[in-house]
Amino acid sequence: VLDIITGVCVRALAGHQAPVGRVAFSEDGTRIASIDSYKEVRIWDAESGDCVNIFRIEAFVYNLEFCPGSSSRLLTEHGQISFDSHVDAAGSDGDLPLATYHGFHMSDGWIW
């Protein structure tokens, strides 16, 4: 995270195992969302830099943003994702929880 005025790095968010493709800030500035090429989404506390939630999605996203007025819902071209404010534990097989979309879904140019 860079200070917008000085350009100085004030916090490094470490944890992704693959290159990060998208980053979004919540409207109130309290959360940062990032997604990597393995489709792992991490939600960060913007002030402390702590990872507060980790989950996986099925499809790669090109658009990632927080829903207006929310720090616990993301909007992608596939729909809306709601998540809790705690870190989800990996399953017994080590897999991350799979997020589910709410609202619309877009696939191959069709919205359904």
N, C-alpha and C. Protein backbone atom coordinates (compact mmCIF):
# COMPACT_ATOMS: atom_id res chain seq x y z
N VAL A 1 0.86 -1.16 0.00
CA VAL A 1 0.00 0.00 0.00
C VAL A 1 0.91 1.23 0.00
N LEU A 2 0.68 2.12 -0.96
CA LEU A 2 1.50 3.33 -1.07
C LEU A 2 0.77 4.53 -0.51
N ASP A 3 1.52 5.42 0.13
CA ASP A 3 0.99 6.72 0.53
C ASP A 3 0.81 7.53 -0.74
N ILE A 4 -0.40 7.98 -1.02
CA ILE A 4 -0.71 8.65 -2.28
C ILE A 4 0.04 9.98 -2.43
N ILE A 5 0.40 10.62 -1.34
CA ILE A 5 1.08 11.91 -1.41
C ILE A 5 2.59 11.73 -1.57
N THR A 6 3.18 10.86 -0.75
CA THR A 6 4.64 10.71 -0.77
C THR A 6 5.11 9.61 -1.71
N GLY A 7 4.23 8.66 -2.05
CA GLY A 7 4.63 7.54 -2.88
C GLY A 7 5.41 6.48 -2.13
N VAL A 8 5.50 6.62 -0.81
CA VAL A 8 6.24 5.69 0.03
C VAL A 8 5.37 4.47 0.34
N CYS A 9 5.97 3.29 0.30
CA CYS A 9 5.26 2.06 0.67
C CYS A 9 5.07 2.07 2.19
N VAL A 10 3.82 2.05 2.63
CA VAL A 10 3.54 2.06 4.07
C VAL A 10 3.16 0.68 4.59
N ARG A 11 2.80 -0.24 3.68
CA ARG A 11 2.40 -1.57 4.11
C ARG A 11 2.48 -2.54 2.94
N ALA A 12 3.07 -3.69 3.17
CA ALA A 12 3.09 -4.76 2.17
C ALA A 12 2.07 -5.82 2.59
N LEU A 13 1.22 -6.21 1.66
CA LEU A 13 0.21 -7.23 1.93
C LEU A 13 0.73 -8.56 1.36
N ALA A 14 1.24 -9.40 2.23
CA ALA A 14 1.85 -10.66 1.80
C ALA A 14 0.92 -11.83 2.09
N GLY A 15 0.87 -12.78 1.17
CA GLY A 15 0.08 -13.98 1.41
C GLY A 15 -0.33 -14.71 0.15
N HIS A 16 -0.54 -14.00 -0.95
CA HIS A 16 -0.92 -14.67 -2.19
C HIS A 16 0.23 -15.55 -2.68
N GLN A 17 -0.11 -16.71 -3.24
CA GLN A 17 0.88 -17.63 -3.79
C GLN A 17 1.04 -17.48 -5.30
N ALA A 18 0.19 -16.65 -5.91
CA ALA A 18 0.21 -16.43 -7.36
C ALA A 18 0.14 -14.92 -7.61
N PRO A 19 0.47 -14.49 -8.83
CA PRO A 19 0.41 -13.06 -9.14
C PRO A 19 -0.99 -12.47 -8.92
N VAL A 20 -1.04 -11.29 -8.34
CA VAL A 20 -2.30 -10.60 -8.09
C VAL A 20 -2.71 -9.84 -9.35
N GLY A 21 -3.96 -10.05 -9.76
CA GLY A 21 -4.44 -9.42 -10.99
C GLY A 21 -5.35 -8.24 -10.77
N ARG A 22 -6.06 -8.20 -9.64
CA ARG A 22 -7.00 -7.12 -9.37
C ARG A 22 -6.96 -6.76 -7.89
N VAL A 23 -7.16 -5.46 -7.61
CA VAL A 23 -7.22 -4.95 -6.24
C VAL A 23 -8.35 -3.93 -6.18
N ALA A 24 -9.08 -3.91 -5.07
CA ALA A 24 -10.16 -2.94 -4.88
C ALA A 24 -10.15 -2.44 -3.44
N PHE A 25 -10.52 -1.17 -3.26
CA PHE A 25 -10.66 -0.57 -1.93
C PHE A 25 -12.13 -0.37 -1.63
N SER A 26 -12.52 -0.62 -0.37
CA SER A 26 -13.90 -0.34 0.03
C SER A 26 -14.10 1.17 0.06
N GLU A 27 -15.34 1.58 -0.10
CA GLU A 27 -15.68 3.01 -0.15
C GLU A 27 -15.25 3.74 1.12
N ASP A 28 -15.36 3.07 2.28
CA ASP A 28 -15.00 3.71 3.55
C ASP A 28 -13.51 3.60 3.86
N GLY A 29 -12.75 2.91 2.99
CA GLY A 29 -11.31 2.81 3.16
C GLY A 29 -10.83 1.82 4.20
N THR A 30 -11.74 0.99 4.74
CA THR A 30 -11.34 0.06 5.80
C THR A 30 -10.88 -1.29 5.27
N ARG A 31 -11.25 -1.66 4.05
CA ARG A 31 -10.93 -2.97 3.50
C ARG A 31 -10.30 -2.86 2.12
N ILE A 32 -9.45 -3.84 1.82
CA ILE A 32 -8.85 -3.99 0.50
C ILE A 32 -9.12 -5.42 0.07
N ALA A 33 -9.56 -5.61 -1.16
CA ALA A 33 -9.76 -6.95 -1.72
C ALA A 33 -8.73 -7.17 -2.81
N SER A 34 -8.18 -8.38 -2.88
CA SER A 34 -7.24 -8.72 -3.94
C SER A 34 -7.56 -10.13 -4.43
N ILE A 35 -7.32 -10.35 -5.71
CA ILE A 35 -7.54 -11.68 -6.29
C ILE A 35 -6.33 -12.04 -7.12
N ASP A 36 -5.91 -13.30 -7.01
CA ASP A 36 -4.73 -13.74 -7.76
C ASP A 36 -5.13 -14.67 -8.90
N SER A 37 -4.14 -15.11 -9.66
CA SER A 37 -4.42 -15.94 -10.84
C SER A 37 -4.88 -17.35 -10.49
N TYR A 38 -4.79 -17.75 -9.21
CA TYR A 38 -5.35 -19.03 -8.76
C TYR A 38 -6.80 -18.86 -8.32
N LYS A 39 -7.36 -17.65 -8.49
CA LYS A 39 -8.74 -17.30 -8.13
C LYS A 39 -8.96 -17.29 -6.62
N GLU A 40 -7.89 -17.00 -5.89
CA GLU A 40 -7.98 -16.85 -4.44
C GLU A 40 -8.22 -15.38 -4.13
N VAL A 41 -9.26 -15.11 -3.34
CA VAL A 41 -9.59 -13.74 -2.94
C VAL A 41 -9.17 -13.56 -1.50
N ARG A 42 -8.49 -12.47 -1.23
CA ARG A 42 -8.11 -12.12 0.14
C ARG A 42 -8.69 -10.75 0.45
N ILE A 43 -9.24 -10.64 1.65
CA ILE A 43 -9.76 -9.37 2.15
C ILE A 43 -8.82 -8.92 3.26
N TRP A 44 -8.37 -7.69 3.16
CA TRP A 44 -7.37 -7.15 4.08
C TRP A 44 -7.95 -6.00 4.89
N ASP A 45 -7.51 -5.87 6.14
CA ASP A 45 -7.79 -4.68 6.93
C ASP A 45 -6.81 -3.62 6.44
N ALA A 46 -7.32 -2.50 5.93
CA ALA A 46 -6.47 -1.49 5.31
C ALA A 46 -5.52 -0.83 6.29
N GLU A 47 -5.92 -0.70 7.55
CA GLU A 47 -5.07 -0.01 8.51
C GLU A 47 -3.96 -0.92 9.04
N SER A 48 -4.31 -2.15 9.42
CA SER A 48 -3.31 -3.04 10.03
C SER A 48 -2.55 -3.87 9.00
N GLY A 49 -3.17 -4.10 7.82
CA GLY A 49 -2.57 -4.97 6.82
C GLY A 49 -2.84 -6.44 7.06
N ASP A 50 -3.65 -6.76 8.09
CA ASP A 50 -3.98 -8.15 8.38
C ASP A 50 -4.98 -8.69 7.37
N CYS A 51 -4.80 -9.96 7.00
CA CYS A 51 -5.77 -10.64 6.15
C CYS A 51 -6.93 -11.07 7.04
N VAL A 52 -8.15 -10.62 6.72
CA VAL A 52 -9.31 -10.93 7.57
C VAL A 52 -10.25 -11.95 6.95
N ASN A 53 -10.03 -12.32 5.68
CA ASN A 53 -10.86 -13.33 5.04
C ASN A 53 -10.14 -13.86 3.81
N ILE A 54 -10.29 -15.15 3.57
CA ILE A 54 -9.72 -15.79 2.38
C ILE A 54 -10.77 -16.75 1.83
N PHE A 55 -11.01 -16.69 0.53
CA PHE A 55 -11.90 -17.65 -0.11
C PHE A 55 -11.52 -17.76 -1.57
N ARG A 56 -12.12 -18.72 -2.25
CA ARG A 56 -11.82 -18.98 -3.65
C ARG A 56 -13.09 -18.79 -4.46
N ILE A 57 -12.94 -18.38 -5.72
CA ILE A 57 -14.08 -18.30 -6.62
C ILE A 57 -13.82 -19.19 -7.82
N GLU A 58 -14.88 -19.57 -8.54
CA GLU A 58 -14.73 -20.53 -9.63
C GLU A 58 -14.18 -19.92 -10.91
N ALA A 59 -14.50 -18.67 -11.18
CA ALA A 59 -14.12 -18.06 -12.46
C ALA A 59 -13.19 -16.88 -12.23
N PHE A 60 -12.26 -16.69 -13.15
CA PHE A 60 -11.39 -15.52 -13.06
C PHE A 60 -12.23 -14.27 -13.30
N VAL A 61 -11.93 -13.19 -12.59
CA VAL A 61 -12.68 -11.95 -12.76
C VAL A 61 -11.80 -10.88 -13.38
N TYR A 62 -12.41 -10.07 -14.20
CA TYR A 62 -11.73 -8.93 -14.81
C TYR A 62 -12.11 -7.63 -14.13
N ASN A 63 -13.27 -7.64 -13.45
CA ASN A 63 -13.75 -6.45 -12.74
C ASN A 63 -14.00 -6.84 -11.29
N LEU A 64 -13.37 -6.13 -10.38
CA LEU A 64 -13.52 -6.40 -8.96
C LEU A 64 -13.69 -5.07 -8.25
N GLU A 65 -14.78 -4.94 -7.50
CA GLU A 65 -14.99 -3.73 -6.72
C GLU A 65 -15.90 -4.05 -5.54
N PHE A 66 -15.82 -3.23 -4.51
CA PHE A 66 -16.74 -3.36 -3.39
C PHE A 66 -18.07 -2.74 -3.80
N CYS A 67 -19.16 -3.34 -3.33
CA CYS A 67 -20.47 -2.75 -3.57
C CYS A 67 -20.53 -1.40 -2.85
N PRO A 68 -21.17 -0.40 -3.44
CA PRO A 68 -21.25 0.92 -2.80
C PRO A 68 -21.82 0.81 -1.39
N GLY A 69 -21.16 1.47 -0.44
CA GLY A 69 -21.61 1.50 0.94
C GLY A 69 -21.34 0.23 1.72
N SER A 70 -20.57 -0.70 1.17
CA SER A 70 -20.34 -1.97 1.85
C SER A 70 -18.85 -2.30 1.91
N SER A 71 -18.44 -2.90 3.02
CA SER A 71 -17.08 -3.43 3.11
C SER A 71 -17.11 -4.94 3.27
N SER A 72 -18.29 -5.56 3.01
CA SER A 72 -18.41 -7.01 3.11
C SER A 72 -19.10 -7.63 1.90
N ARG A 73 -19.19 -6.88 0.80
CA ARG A 73 -19.75 -7.42 -0.44
C ARG A 73 -18.92 -6.94 -1.62
N LEU A 74 -18.58 -7.87 -2.51
CA LEU A 74 -17.83 -7.55 -3.72
C LEU A 74 -18.74 -7.70 -4.93
N LEU A 75 -18.46 -6.93 -5.94
CA LEU A 75 -19.19 -7.01 -7.20
C LEU A 75 -18.21 -7.35 -8.30
N THR A 76 -18.54 -8.39 -9.09
CA THR A 76 -17.74 -8.78 -10.24
C THR A 76 -18.66 -8.89 -11.44
N GLU A 77 -18.11 -9.17 -12.60
CA GLU A 77 -18.95 -9.36 -13.78
C GLU A 77 -19.79 -10.63 -13.68
N HIS A 78 -19.51 -11.49 -12.70
CA HIS A 78 -20.27 -12.73 -12.51
C HIS A 78 -21.38 -12.57 -11.49
N GLY A 79 -21.39 -11.48 -10.73
CA GLY A 79 -22.40 -11.26 -9.71
C GLY A 79 -21.80 -10.70 -8.44
N GLN A 80 -22.58 -10.74 -7.38
CA GLN A 80 -22.18 -10.19 -6.09
C GLN A 80 -21.74 -11.32 -5.16
N ILE A 81 -20.69 -11.07 -4.37
CA ILE A 81 -20.19 -12.03 -3.40
C ILE A 81 -20.28 -11.39 -2.02
N SER A 82 -20.97 -12.05 -1.09
CA SER A 82 -21.02 -11.59 0.30
C SER A 82 -20.07 -12.45 1.11
N PHE A 83 -19.40 -11.85 2.08
CA PHE A 83 -18.47 -12.60 2.91
C PHE A 83 -18.50 -12.07 4.33
N ASP A 84 -18.09 -12.91 5.27
CA ASP A 84 -18.01 -12.53 6.68
C ASP A 84 -16.74 -11.74 6.92
N SER A 85 -16.61 -11.19 8.11
CA SER A 85 -15.43 -10.40 8.44
C SER A 85 -14.36 -11.23 9.14
N HIS A 86 -14.48 -12.55 9.16
CA HIS A 86 -13.47 -13.39 9.80
C HIS A 86 -12.78 -14.26 8.76
N VAL A 87 -11.63 -14.77 9.10
CA VAL A 87 -10.89 -15.64 8.19
C VAL A 87 -11.56 -17.00 8.16
N ASP A 88 -11.92 -17.46 6.96
CA ASP A 88 -12.50 -18.79 6.81
C ASP A 88 -11.39 -19.82 6.85
N ALA A 89 -11.55 -20.84 7.66
CA ALA A 89 -10.54 -21.89 7.76
C ALA A 89 -10.61 -22.79 6.54
N ALA A 90 -9.46 -23.29 6.12
CA ALA A 90 -9.42 -24.24 5.01
C ALA A 90 -10.09 -25.54 5.44
N GLY A 91 -10.69 -26.24 4.48
CA GLY A 91 -11.33 -27.52 4.77
C GLY A 91 -10.30 -28.57 5.15
N SER A 92 -10.79 -29.75 5.50
CA SER A 92 -9.89 -30.81 5.94
C SER A 92 -8.93 -31.24 4.84
N ASP A 93 -9.32 -31.02 3.57
CA ASP A 93 -8.42 -31.37 2.47
C ASP A 93 -7.52 -30.21 2.08
N GLY A 94 -7.58 -29.10 2.85
CA GLY A 94 -6.72 -27.96 2.59
C GLY A 94 -7.29 -26.96 1.59
N ASP A 95 -8.45 -27.25 1.01
CA ASP A 95 -9.05 -26.33 0.05
C ASP A 95 -9.70 -25.15 0.75
N LEU A 96 -9.66 -24.00 0.10
CA LEU A 96 -10.33 -22.82 0.63
C LEU A 96 -11.82 -22.93 0.35
N PRO A 97 -12.65 -22.28 1.17
CA PRO A 97 -14.08 -22.26 0.91
C PRO A 97 -14.36 -21.64 -0.46
N LEU A 98 -15.37 -22.14 -1.14
CA LEU A 98 -15.76 -21.63 -2.44
C LEU A 98 -16.89 -20.64 -2.25
N ALA A 99 -16.68 -19.40 -2.70
CA ALA A 99 -17.71 -18.37 -2.57
C ALA A 99 -18.82 -18.62 -3.58
N THR A 100 -20.02 -18.23 -3.22
CA THR A 100 -21.15 -18.34 -4.14
C THR A 100 -21.60 -16.94 -4.53
N TYR A 101 -22.04 -16.83 -5.76
CA TYR A 101 -22.52 -15.55 -6.28
C TYR A 101 -24.00 -15.39 -5.99
N HIS A 102 -24.40 -14.14 -5.79
CA HIS A 102 -25.80 -13.80 -5.59
C HIS A 102 -26.19 -12.79 -6.67
N GLY A 103 -27.42 -12.83 -7.12
CA GLY A 103 -27.86 -11.88 -8.14
C GLY A 103 -27.69 -12.48 -9.51
N PHE A 104 -27.10 -11.73 -10.42
CA PHE A 104 -26.98 -12.18 -11.80
C PHE A 104 -25.74 -13.01 -12.01
N HIS A 105 -25.72 -13.73 -13.12
CA HIS A 105 -24.52 -14.47 -13.54
C HIS A 105 -24.37 -14.26 -15.03
N MET A 106 -23.17 -14.01 -15.47
CA MET A 106 -22.92 -13.78 -16.89
C MET A 106 -21.96 -14.83 -17.40
N SER A 107 -22.31 -15.48 -18.50
CA SER A 107 -21.47 -16.51 -19.07
C SER A 107 -21.63 -16.49 -20.59
N ASP A 108 -20.52 -16.44 -21.31
CA ASP A 108 -20.55 -16.46 -22.77
C ASP A 108 -21.50 -15.42 -23.36
N GLY A 109 -21.53 -14.23 -22.75
CA GLY A 109 -22.35 -13.15 -23.29
C GLY A 109 -23.80 -13.18 -22.87
N TRP A 110 -24.20 -14.19 -22.09
CA TRP A 110 -25.59 -14.29 -21.64
C TRP A 110 -25.67 -13.92 -20.17
N ILE A 111 -26.71 -13.20 -19.79
CA ILE A 111 -26.96 -12.90 -18.38
C ILE A 111 -28.17 -13.71 -17.96
N TRP A 112 -28.02 -14.49 -16.87
CA TRP A 112 -29.13 -15.32 -16.38
C TRP A 112 -29.14 -15.36 -14.88
